[in-house]
Amino acid sequence: MGGKSFGILICLFIISIIIVVCEGNEKVESFFSRGDSAAKAADGHTNNWAVLVCSSRFWFNYRHIANVLGIYRTVKRLGIPDSQIIMMLADDMACNARNSWAGQIFNNENHKLNLYGENIEVDYRGYEVNVENFLRVLTGRHDKDTPRSKRLLSDANSNILVYMTGHGGDQFLKFQDVEEVSSHDLADAFEQMHSKRRYREIFFMVDTCQANTLYKQFHSPNILAIGSSRYKENSYSHHTDIALGVSVIDRFTHHTLEYFEKVQPHSNLTLEQLFQTYDPKNLGSHPGWREDLHSRNLNEILLTDFFGSVTHTQLTDSPFSLNPDPNDKRGDNSRNNVIKVKITRSMEEDPTFQINSQVGIATCAFLSFVYLLSTIFQRKENREY
């Protein structure tokens, strides 16, 4: 009888633990999904990513590297971490033998701002920057050995900035002067991303000759696109650094970065306000954009929706201490009432508090039940004896 009793107790114990744990897991999941549900109810936007591509190599294309590094510095300053930035640089200008400032890259002839810095993370460099790897980044179709740091781990709630610069033409952008990515390739990649729910919104920005033709074939929803120049128009450099002997930045990117210097992480400036600053007289070309695929108006889209990443936290309205306040003259009953209210609110608002309470209650009930059964069996055995 004792062995059977012990087996029954063990079974009851296991069953009670399973019930408590399962119920607790459900509440934990509901607790952590509650924030996501609130965000989705608002607009579904929970995270930002950036894919920054310089497709040109050789020293005379120094400005294209500087273009990307300037955008990289901006998105990092506005809150997007390196873990959510994929940067592709086709050449290493910082270590080029012609660079008089070894290990440094500048986008202005005054040499005040070193864009290369000490905290730069380049994910693809040199010959890794090719059309195949770029399209794999967008579509997520990597080899199994590709590390997470080289993957675009976006989801259906991600806003993605795709910035590209290099030499281009009518509906193509050259990579390494040996291959091209076409407007059809980009459109197909974005359609795959849409089918796989890899983005919520995409902002495509390209600085190259005839840039506006690159988004001509796009057809997937919720994509915004802007280019630096029309069909049969060139995209020009801004100025030359005599000491380096090369141009250090393109005009379109220069004016974009100049505008972003006044943008802060919590800024309310919109894409429409940015687009209105582009003056063809200053750029030497006519920027164009496409918004017919997107559901929101330009005046509703914040710059930080793509170029920044701000975490929204919920704060308590006031601190609360369980320690008695010697200056509190309301009396012990009043303080006890306040504590009761706080505990009640904790039970209602914090499922983890409920879980701990339920585990305690279940444990007490189970131990009482075990004690009762052991007493009954002990008396029965004594009678038999």
Foldseek 3Di string as FASTA:
>chain_A
DVVVLVVVLVVVVVVLVVVLVVVLVVLVVCQVCVVQVVVVVVPLADEEAEEFEEQEDDDQVQQSVLLRLLLVVQLVQLAHDLLRYAYEEQYDNLCDPLDPNHNFADQDLVPPDTSRDDPDDHLHYHPSPDPVLVLCQLLVVDDPPRDSSNHNQAALNYEYEYEYEAEDAQQWHHGHNPDIDGLVSVQVSVVSCVVRSRYNAYEYEYEYAQFVNSPVPHDAARYKYKYLAHHPGGWAAQDANVSSGHGHHTQVSVLLSVVSVPDHNPDLDWQVVSQVPDDCVNGVHDMDMDPPRYDDDRNRHGPCSHSHHDDDDDDDPDDDDLDDDPPDPPDPVVSVVVVVVVLVVCVVNPSVSVSVVVVVVSVVVSVVVSVVSVVVVVVVVVVVD
